[in-house]
Amino acid sequence: MWRSGFISSERESRYLDDCLRDIELNRVLRERAEATLRALSIVEPVFADSLRAPQSPNHHAEGPFLADHLRLALMSLYAILDGGLRVLDIEEFRRMRGYEGEWQELEETIRGHAATFETFILCHDAAKWTDIFFTAPHGTRGFELGFRQSMDLLWDDAGFTERAQARRKYLDLYVAFAKEHSNETDRQIQKEFFSAYGIKIRNAGHEKAIHSPVYRGLLERTASARRIPDQDRDFLETLISHHMDPLPDFGRKMDSSRMDRYAVTASHHGYDADDFIDFLQAGVFLDMVCGNIRPSFHGYWHDPTVLINFFRSEHDHSPWKREQKQKKCDEEERRHRQKLYREVGLDGVAILELLGMEPGPTFGTLLKQIHDAVEGRRSVMPNLPPDAKKTIDERIVAYHQKTFAQGL
């Protein structure tokens, strides 16, 4: 998705944790996310079950259940749509010189496909309820209680039954523990329960379950309610099926050699590789960066490493794409700018008529000077008759109002 043309942000950058902490504390965003989760759980029992899927803080410290993860991801999505979160205002991303256009395009991808990403968030982890197994190190209370399952349980009906029994046992144990610590926050209870029992939760292969009739049906109905076209639902199914791939590929380091697999996946399903990577990176941002909290010795934090390595690997894999993308984006920006000029009367025809001049090199030079001043490439306007200058100043105000309203 390479490009370097971008609209710079005048707002002061803030660290990722600070930005997302504000989102997490935003009552309006929380209520909106809760309403979305509640509405789907009412009509989809499968989804309602998934919200109760337990999660352990070694992988997900945002709360004890999947609902906590989905809520935080939805709140981040809504903050982007409302303009409260701007990707380029995040310090960890802004400091990556030369990637500004890429971060802007990631945000534009999310903004332009809000229903798609809302559906992605709601459905991408739904199978964690069934594809769950528990492990606990030897010597822990969890190990003594029998939470030491093999991953072999994932592949047969007997394993399904045993996993369901273990899940009920875990939830009963957790509920009893939470009642004894009812004066603490959910996150504190989750942490203390993990320390007390040492039970780790994994959901290996949950992303592939989207191809099963149960979870594909959930995806179909959720997407249909949001009027997402059939072909985009197929795209979403592929996206969800591969949403975990970047974690082993880029979770620890950048590796441009891993990029080929994404092009192959896109080609196999008949999708444009750049589009597939764009959407996958946006999904990683909402899921693994915004919606996921990690524990540390100093508290909790959001880790952007996997996404940063993903971007850098993409660039190192295909640096020649940058020039191609840049030409395309420059042309798109030029057409959009000319459209706005025509709407407010700053295009060549309107200025020619206003000034009563003849077409030619002299007017061309003057028009360029006016446009350079409009776009901030020139500090002062050229000399113009007072009435014409007043009219042009008014049109410039209208132009900037339009660009501000569109978030440009």
Protein backbone atom coordinates (compact mmCIF):
# COMPACT_ATOMS: atom_id res chain seq x y z
CA MET A 1 0.00 0.00 0.00
CA TRP A 2 3.00 2.26 -0.48
CA ARG A 3 2.70 6.00 -0.94
CA SER A 4 4.45 9.04 0.46
CA GLY A 5 2.03 11.85 -0.30
CA PHE A 6 0.04 12.71 2.82
CA ILE A 7 -1.69 15.51 4.68
CA SER A 8 0.38 16.38 7.74
CA SER A 9 -1.23 16.58 11.16
CA GLU A 10 -0.83 19.77 13.17
CA ARG A 11 -1.85 18.05 16.40
CA GLU A 12 0.81 17.10 18.90
CA SER A 13 1.64 13.41 18.85
CA ARG A 14 0.99 11.16 21.83
CA TYR A 15 2.20 7.72 22.72
CA LEU A 16 -0.01 4.80 21.77
CA ASP A 17 -0.80 3.84 25.37
CA ASP A 18 -1.95 7.36 26.20
CA CYS A 19 -4.20 7.53 23.13
CA LEU A 20 -5.80 4.17 23.82
CA ARG A 21 -6.16 4.80 27.54
CA ASP A 22 -8.33 7.81 26.75
CA ILE A 23 -10.43 5.65 24.44
CA GLU A 24 -10.84 2.97 27.08
CA LEU A 25 -12.09 5.55 29.58
CA ASN A 26 -14.52 7.16 27.12
CA ARG A 27 -18.03 6.39 28.38
CA VAL A 28 -19.74 7.26 25.09
CA LEU A 29 -17.52 4.89 23.11
CA ARG A 30 -17.98 2.17 25.72
CA GLU A 31 -21.76 2.45 25.62
CA ARG A 32 -21.73 2.34 21.82
CA ALA A 33 -19.56 -0.77 21.80
CA GLU A 34 -21.66 -2.43 24.50
CA ALA A 35 -24.81 -1.73 22.49
CA THR A 36 -23.26 -3.37 19.41
CA LEU A 37 -22.24 -6.47 21.36
CA ARG A 38 -25.60 -6.69 23.09
CA ALA A 39 -27.60 -6.33 19.87
CA LEU A 40 -25.76 -9.17 18.13
CA SER A 41 -25.81 -11.46 21.17
CA ILE A 42 -29.60 -11.15 21.39
CA VAL A 43 -30.13 -12.59 17.91
CA GLU A 44 -27.07 -14.87 17.72
CA PRO A 45 -26.72 -17.45 20.53
CA VAL A 46 -23.40 -18.58 19.04
CA PHE A 47 -22.06 -15.06 19.41
CA ALA A 48 -23.51 -14.71 22.92
CA ASP A 49 -21.58 -17.83 23.94
CA SER A 50 -18.38 -16.50 22.40
CA LEU A 51 -18.49 -13.38 24.56
CA ARG A 52 -18.02 -15.63 27.60
CA ALA A 53 -14.91 -17.29 26.18
CA PRO A 54 -12.25 -16.93 28.89
CA GLN A 55 -8.85 -15.41 28.17
CA SER A 56 -5.69 -15.39 30.25
CA PRO A 57 -3.54 -12.28 30.76
CA ASN A 58 -0.39 -13.81 29.28
CA HIS A 59 -2.09 -13.27 25.87
CA HIS A 60 -5.02 -10.93 26.59
CA ALA A 61 -4.81 -8.73 29.69
CA GLU A 62 -7.65 -6.41 28.68
CA GLY A 63 -10.11 -8.46 30.72
CA PRO A 64 -11.12 -12.02 31.66
CA PHE A 65 -13.45 -12.68 28.71
CA LEU A 66 -13.53 -12.26 24.95
CA ALA A 67 -16.15 -9.53 25.39
CA ASP A 68 -13.42 -7.33 26.89
CA HIS A 69 -11.25 -7.76 23.80
CA LEU A 70 -14.06 -7.11 21.33
CA ARG A 71 -15.32 -4.10 23.26
CA LEU A 72 -11.91 -2.44 23.22
CA ALA A 73 -11.42 -3.11 19.50
CA LEU A 74 -14.88 -1.69 18.73
CA MET A 75 -14.22 1.39 20.84
CA SER A 76 -11.01 1.99 18.89
CA LEU A 77 -12.87 1.60 15.60
CA TYR A 78 -15.54 4.08 16.66
CA ALA A 79 -12.88 6.53 17.89
CA ILE A 80 -11.29 6.49 14.42
CA LEU A 81 -14.67 7.00 12.74
CA ASP A 82 -15.50 9.89 15.09
CA GLY A 83 -12.11 11.53 14.61
CA GLY A 84 -11.05 11.03 18.21
CA LEU A 85 -8.17 8.77 17.19
CA ARG A 86 -5.90 9.76 14.33
CA VAL A 87 -3.30 7.16 13.45
CA LEU A 88 -0.67 9.75 12.55
CA ASP A 89 -1.07 11.37 15.96
CA ILE A 90 0.41 8.23 17.54
CA GLU A 91 4.06 8.91 18.34
CA GLU A 92 5.31 5.37 17.62
CA PHE A 93 3.96 5.67 14.08
CA ARG A 94 4.75 9.32 13.39
CA ARG A 95 8.43 8.81 14.19
CA MET A 96 8.71 6.35 11.28
CA ARG A 97 9.90 8.89 8.71
CA GLY A 98 8.81 8.14 5.18
CA TYR A 99 5.83 6.01 6.28
CA GLU A 100 3.42 8.89 6.90
CA GLY A 101 1.34 8.20 3.82
CA GLU A 102 1.05 4.55 4.78
CA TRP A 103 -0.35 5.30 8.21
CA GLN A 104 -2.77 7.77 6.68
CA GLU A 105 -3.91 5.17 4.17
CA LEU A 106 -4.46 2.62 6.94
CA GLU A 107 -6.80 5.08 8.65
CA GLU A 108 -8.56 5.83 5.37
CA THR A 109 -9.04 2.10 4.76
CA ILE A 110 -10.77 1.76 8.12
CA ARG A 111 -12.87 4.89 7.65
CA GLY A 112 -13.93 3.89 4.17
CA HIS A 113 -15.01 0.37 5.18
CA ALA A 114 -16.47 0.87 8.65
CA ALA A 115 -19.13 -1.84 8.34
CA THR A 116 -16.57 -4.35 7.08
CA PHE A 117 -14.25 -3.79 10.03
CA GLU A 118 -17.10 -3.80 12.53
CA THR A 119 -18.10 -7.21 11.16
CA PHE A 120 -14.48 -8.34 11.24
CA ILE A 121 -14.17 -7.45 14.91
CA LEU A 122 -17.44 -9.16 15.85
CA CYS A 123 -16.72 -12.42 14.01
CA HIS A 124 -12.95 -12.88 13.91
CA ASP A 125 -12.62 -14.58 17.32
CA ALA A 126 -16.07 -16.15 17.70
CA ALA A 127 -14.69 -19.71 17.50
CA LYS A 128 -12.55 -19.18 20.58
CA TRP A 129 -15.50 -20.49 22.59
CA THR A 130 -15.18 -23.96 21.09
CA ASP A 131 -11.51 -24.03 20.03
CA ILE A 132 -10.17 -23.65 23.54
CA PHE A 133 -7.76 -25.66 25.63
CA PHE A 134 -6.03 -25.09 28.96
CA THR A 135 -2.50 -25.65 30.17
CA ALA A 136 -0.85 -25.04 33.51
CA PRO A 137 2.80 -25.54 34.52
CA HIS A 138 3.67 -28.42 36.80
CA GLY A 139 3.39 -27.43 40.43
CA THR A 140 0.66 -24.83 39.98
CA ARG A 141 -2.84 -25.13 41.43
CA GLY A 142 -4.19 -25.23 37.90
CA PHE A 143 -2.05 -28.27 37.11
CA GLU A 144 -3.26 -30.02 40.28
CA LEU A 145 -6.87 -29.35 39.24
CA GLY A 146 -6.34 -31.07 35.90
CA PHE A 147 -5.88 -28.08 33.54
CA ARG A 148 -3.20 -29.80 31.48
CA GLN A 149 -4.77 -30.67 28.16
CA SER A 150 -3.11 -31.75 24.95
CA MET A 151 -3.61 -29.93 21.67
CA ASP A 152 -4.64 -33.31 20.25
CA LEU A 153 -8.02 -32.58 21.82
CA LEU A 154 -8.65 -30.04 19.07
CA TRP A 155 -9.11 -32.63 16.36
CA ASP A 156 -11.81 -35.08 17.45
CA ASP A 157 -15.30 -35.23 18.96
CA ALA A 158 -14.04 -36.62 22.25
CA GLY A 159 -11.76 -33.64 22.51
CA PHE A 160 -14.71 -31.32 21.94
CA THR A 161 -16.52 -32.85 24.90
CA GLU A 162 -13.47 -32.68 27.14
CA ARG A 163 -12.79 -29.08 26.17
CA ALA A 164 -16.39 -28.15 26.96
CA GLN A 165 -16.12 -29.81 30.36
CA ALA A 166 -12.84 -28.04 31.08
CA ARG A 167 -14.37 -24.75 29.99
CA ARG A 168 -17.28 -25.14 32.41
CA LYS A 169 -14.87 -26.11 35.18
CA TYR A 170 -12.71 -23.06 34.49
CA LEU A 171 -15.68 -20.67 34.41
CA ASP A 172 -17.06 -22.06 37.69
CA LEU A 173 -13.65 -21.68 39.28
CA TYR A 174 -13.26 -18.15 37.97
CA VAL A 175 -16.74 -17.01 39.03
CA ALA A 176 -16.14 -18.27 42.56
CA PHE A 177 -12.77 -16.51 42.68
CA ALA A 178 -14.28 -13.26 41.36
CA LYS A 179 -16.97 -13.28 44.06
CA GLU A 180 -14.23 -13.40 46.69
CA HIS A 181 -12.59 -10.35 45.08
CA SER A 182 -15.69 -8.38 44.15
CA ASN A 183 -14.20 -5.09 45.36
CA GLU A 184 -11.51 -5.21 42.64
CA THR A 185 -11.62 -4.41 38.91
CA ASP A 186 -12.10 -7.14 36.33
CA ARG A 187 -8.53 -6.66 35.14
CA GLN A 188 -7.16 -7.00 38.67
CA ILE A 189 -9.22 -10.13 39.28
CA GLN A 190 -8.00 -11.64 36.02
CA LYS A 191 -4.39 -10.97 36.99
CA GLU A 192 -4.75 -12.37 40.52
CA PHE A 193 -6.60 -15.46 39.30
CA PHE A 194 -3.79 -16.16 36.85
CA SER A 195 -1.22 -15.73 39.62
CA ALA A 196 -3.18 -18.04 41.91
CA TYR A 197 -3.79 -20.87 39.44
CA GLY A 198 -1.32 -20.38 36.56
CA ILE A 199 -3.88 -21.52 33.96
CA LYS A 200 -3.00 -20.46 30.42
CA ILE A 201 -5.63 -20.35 27.69
CA ARG A 202 -4.98 -20.99 24.02
CA ASN A 203 -7.28 -21.10 21.02
CA ALA A 204 -5.16 -22.75 18.36
CA GLY A 205 -6.78 -22.74 14.93
CA HIS A 206 -9.79 -20.66 15.92
CA GLU A 207 -9.36 -18.42 12.87
CA LYS A 208 -9.81 -21.34 10.47
CA ALA A 209 -13.17 -22.23 12.02
CA ILE A 210 -14.68 -19.31 10.09
CA HIS A 211 -14.94 -21.78 7.19
CA SER A 212 -17.24 -24.06 9.19
CA PRO A 213 -21.00 -23.78 8.61
CA VAL A 214 -21.66 -22.44 12.12
CA TYR A 215 -19.24 -19.53 12.00
CA ARG A 216 -19.60 -18.83 8.30
CA GLY A 217 -23.34 -18.54 9.00
CA LEU A 218 -22.65 -16.06 11.78
CA LEU A 219 -20.48 -14.05 9.41
CA GLU A 220 -23.14 -14.13 6.67
CA ARG A 221 -25.90 -12.85 8.95
CA THR A 222 -23.74 -10.22 10.64
CA ALA A 223 -22.52 -8.92 7.28
CA SER A 224 -26.02 -9.00 5.77
CA ALA A 225 -27.38 -6.87 8.63
CA ARG A 226 -24.74 -4.29 7.70
CA ARG A 227 -25.55 -4.53 3.97
CA ILE A 228 -22.13 -5.83 3.04
CA PRO A 229 -22.16 -7.28 -0.53
CA ASP A 230 -21.68 -11.01 -1.10
CA GLN A 231 -18.22 -10.66 -2.62
CA ASP A 232 -17.07 -8.62 0.38
CA ARG A 233 -18.33 -11.35 2.71
CA ASP A 234 -16.12 -13.85 0.91
CA PHE A 235 -13.24 -11.41 1.29
CA LEU A 236 -14.00 -11.10 5.01
CA GLU A 237 -13.99 -14.88 5.41
CA THR A 238 -10.51 -15.03 3.89
CA LEU A 239 -9.34 -12.09 5.99
CA ILE A 240 -10.55 -13.69 9.22
CA SER A 241 -9.06 -17.04 8.24
CA HIS A 242 -5.63 -15.42 7.92
CA HIS A 243 -5.82 -12.70 10.56
CA MET A 244 -3.41 -14.56 12.86
CA ASP A 245 -0.72 -15.06 10.20
CA PRO A 246 1.14 -11.77 10.85
CA LEU A 247 1.77 -12.63 14.50
CA PRO A 248 4.25 -15.47 13.90
CA ASP A 249 5.60 -13.72 10.80
CA PHE A 250 6.22 -10.26 12.27
CA GLY A 251 5.58 -10.46 16.00
CA ARG A 252 9.28 -10.53 16.88
CA LYS A 253 11.08 -9.10 13.86
CA MET A 254 10.64 -7.78 10.36
CA ASP A 255 11.02 -10.43 7.66
CA SER A 256 10.41 -9.38 4.07
CA SER A 257 10.65 -13.00 2.90
CA ARG A 258 7.31 -13.68 4.59
CA MET A 259 5.46 -11.21 2.35
CA ASP A 260 5.20 -13.65 -0.54
CA ARG A 261 2.67 -15.77 1.33
CA TYR A 262 0.18 -12.90 1.44
CA ALA A 263 0.42 -12.30 -2.29
CA VAL A 264 -0.07 -16.04 -2.88
CA THR A 265 -3.09 -16.13 -0.57
CA ALA A 266 -4.68 -13.14 -2.30
CA SER A 267 -4.01 -14.60 -5.75
CA HIS A 268 -5.43 -17.98 -4.77
CA HIS A 269 -8.73 -16.34 -3.80
CA GLY A 270 -8.76 -13.91 -6.73
CA TYR A 271 -8.05 -10.74 -4.73
CA ASP A 272 -5.69 -7.90 -5.40
CA ALA A 273 -2.61 -8.49 -3.25
CA ASP A 274 -2.20 -4.84 -2.25
CA ASP A 275 -5.85 -4.60 -1.19
CA PHE A 276 -5.62 -7.81 0.81
CA ILE A 277 -2.50 -6.60 2.63
CA ASP A 278 -4.07 -3.18 3.29
CA PHE A 279 -7.13 -4.74 4.92
CA LEU A 280 -5.07 -7.27 6.85
CA GLN A 281 -2.84 -4.52 8.25
CA ALA A 282 -5.92 -2.53 9.29
CA GLY A 283 -7.31 -5.66 10.95
CA VAL A 284 -4.02 -6.19 12.80
CA PHE A 285 -4.17 -2.60 14.02
CA LEU A 286 -7.68 -2.94 15.44
CA ASP A 287 -7.25 -6.50 16.75
CA MET A 288 -3.66 -6.97 17.89
CA VAL A 289 -2.68 -3.39 18.66
CA CYS A 290 -5.79 -1.51 19.82
CA GLY A 291 -7.86 -4.41 21.14
CA ASN A 292 -5.03 -6.26 22.87
CA ILE A 293 -3.35 -5.30 26.15
CA ARG A 294 -0.15 -6.91 27.37
CA PRO A 295 1.07 -7.17 30.97
CA SER A 296 4.52 -5.92 31.94
CA PHE A 297 6.57 -5.24 35.04
CA HIS A 298 5.43 -1.63 34.80
CA GLY A 299 1.73 -2.28 34.32
CA TYR A 300 -0.13 -2.75 31.04
CA TRP A 301 0.66 -1.66 27.51
CA HIS A 302 -0.36 -1.94 23.86
CA ASP A 303 2.34 -3.47 21.67
CA PRO A 304 2.55 -2.12 18.08
CA THR A 305 5.57 -4.26 17.16
CA VAL A 306 3.77 -6.72 14.88
CA LEU A 307 2.22 -3.96 12.79
CA ILE A 308 5.41 -1.91 12.55
CA ASN A 309 7.36 -4.98 11.43
CA PHE A 310 4.60 -5.79 8.94
CA PHE A 311 4.93 -2.35 7.33
CA ARG A 312 8.70 -2.47 7.22
CA SER A 313 8.72 -5.97 5.78
CA GLU A 314 6.30 -4.90 3.06
CA HIS A 315 8.53 -1.99 2.11
CA ASP A 316 11.72 -4.02 2.06
CA HIS A 317 10.03 -6.75 0.02
CA SER A 318 8.78 -4.44 -2.75
CA PRO A 319 10.40 -0.99 -2.60
CA TRP A 320 9.61 -0.44 -6.29
CA LYS A 321 5.90 -0.38 -5.45
CA ARG A 322 6.39 2.97 -3.79
CA GLU A 323 6.94 4.82 -7.04
CA GLN A 324 3.95 3.16 -8.70
CA LYS A 325 1.69 3.86 -5.74
CA GLN A 326 2.96 7.42 -5.50
CA LYS A 327 2.03 8.19 -9.10
CA LYS A 328 -1.45 6.82 -8.56
CA CYS A 329 -1.96 8.70 -5.30
CA ASP A 330 -0.59 11.95 -6.73
CA GLU A 331 -3.08 11.72 -9.57
CA GLU A 332 -5.96 10.97 -7.18
CA GLU A 333 -5.02 13.91 -4.98
CA ARG A 334 -4.71 16.19 -8.00
CA ARG A 335 -8.17 15.24 -9.26
CA HIS A 336 -9.71 15.70 -5.84
CA ARG A 337 -8.04 19.07 -5.36
CA GLN A 338 -9.27 20.25 -8.77
CA LYS A 339 -12.79 19.13 -7.88
CA LEU A 340 -12.73 21.22 -4.71
CA TYR A 341 -11.28 24.17 -6.63
CA ARG A 342 -14.21 24.01 -9.05
CA GLU A 343 -16.72 23.78 -6.22
CA VAL A 344 -15.47 26.96 -4.52
CA GLY A 345 -14.39 28.90 -7.61
CA LEU A 346 -10.62 28.57 -7.40
CA ASP A 347 -10.18 26.66 -10.65
CA GLY A 348 -8.57 28.24 -13.69
CA VAL A 349 -11.83 29.05 -15.48
CA ALA A 350 -13.35 30.79 -12.45
CA ILE A 351 -10.19 32.80 -11.66
CA LEU A 352 -9.79 33.78 -15.33
CA GLU A 353 -13.33 35.13 -15.38
CA LEU A 354 -12.90 36.90 -12.03
CA LEU A 355 -9.71 38.69 -13.11
CA GLY A 356 -10.87 39.35 -16.67
CA MET A 357 -7.60 38.08 -18.08
CA GLU A 358 -6.74 36.19 -21.26
CA PRO A 359 -5.39 32.64 -21.19
CA GLY A 360 -1.63 32.46 -21.58
CA PRO A 361 1.69 32.12 -19.77
CA THR A 362 1.12 35.23 -17.64
CA PHE A 363 -2.18 33.94 -16.31
CA GLY A 364 -0.72 30.44 -15.85
CA THR A 365 2.05 31.83 -13.65
CA LEU A 366 -0.45 33.89 -11.63
CA LEU A 367 -2.78 30.91 -11.16
CA LYS A 368 0.10 28.77 -9.92
CA GLN A 369 1.06 31.46 -7.42
CA ILE A 370 -2.53 31.60 -6.13
CA HIS A 371 -2.73 27.82 -5.78
CA ASP A 372 0.69 27.69 -4.08
CA ALA A 373 -0.58 30.22 -1.55
CA VAL A 374 -3.79 28.22 -1.03
CA GLU A 375 -1.83 25.02 -0.36
CA GLY A 376 0.77 26.69 1.87
CA ARG A 377 3.65 26.37 -0.58
CA ARG A 378 3.88 30.18 -0.79
CA SER A 379 3.66 32.52 2.19
CA VAL A 380 1.83 35.42 0.50
CA MET A 381 -0.68 35.89 -2.30
CA PRO A 382 0.44 37.59 -5.52
CA ASN A 383 -0.61 41.21 -6.09
CA LEU A 384 -4.28 41.33 -7.08
CA PRO A 385 -6.96 44.02 -7.42
CA PRO A 386 -8.61 44.63 -3.98
CA ASP A 387 -12.06 43.36 -5.01
CA ALA A 388 -10.63 40.24 -6.63
CA LYS A 389 -8.39 39.57 -3.64
CA LYS A 390 -11.38 39.82 -1.27
CA THR A 391 -13.37 37.37 -3.40
CA ILE A 392 -10.46 34.93 -3.65
CA ASP A 393 -9.87 35.13 0.11
CA GLU A 394 -13.51 34.17 0.69
CA ARG A 395 -13.17 31.26 -1.70
CA ILE A 396 -10.00 30.11 0.05
CA VAL A 397 -11.87 30.04 3.36
CA ALA A 398 -14.59 27.91 1.74
CA TYR A 399 -11.94 25.60 0.27
CA HIS A 400 -10.27 25.04 3.64
CA GLN A 401 -13.62 24.46 5.30
CA LYS A 402 -14.32 21.69 2.82
CA THR A 403 -10.92 20.07 3.27
CA PHE A 404 -11.27 20.25 7.07
CA ALA A 405 -14.75 18.72 6.98
CA GLN A 406 -13.38 15.81 4.96
CA GLY A 407 -10.47 15.30 7.35
CA LEU A 408 -7.84 16.23 4.76
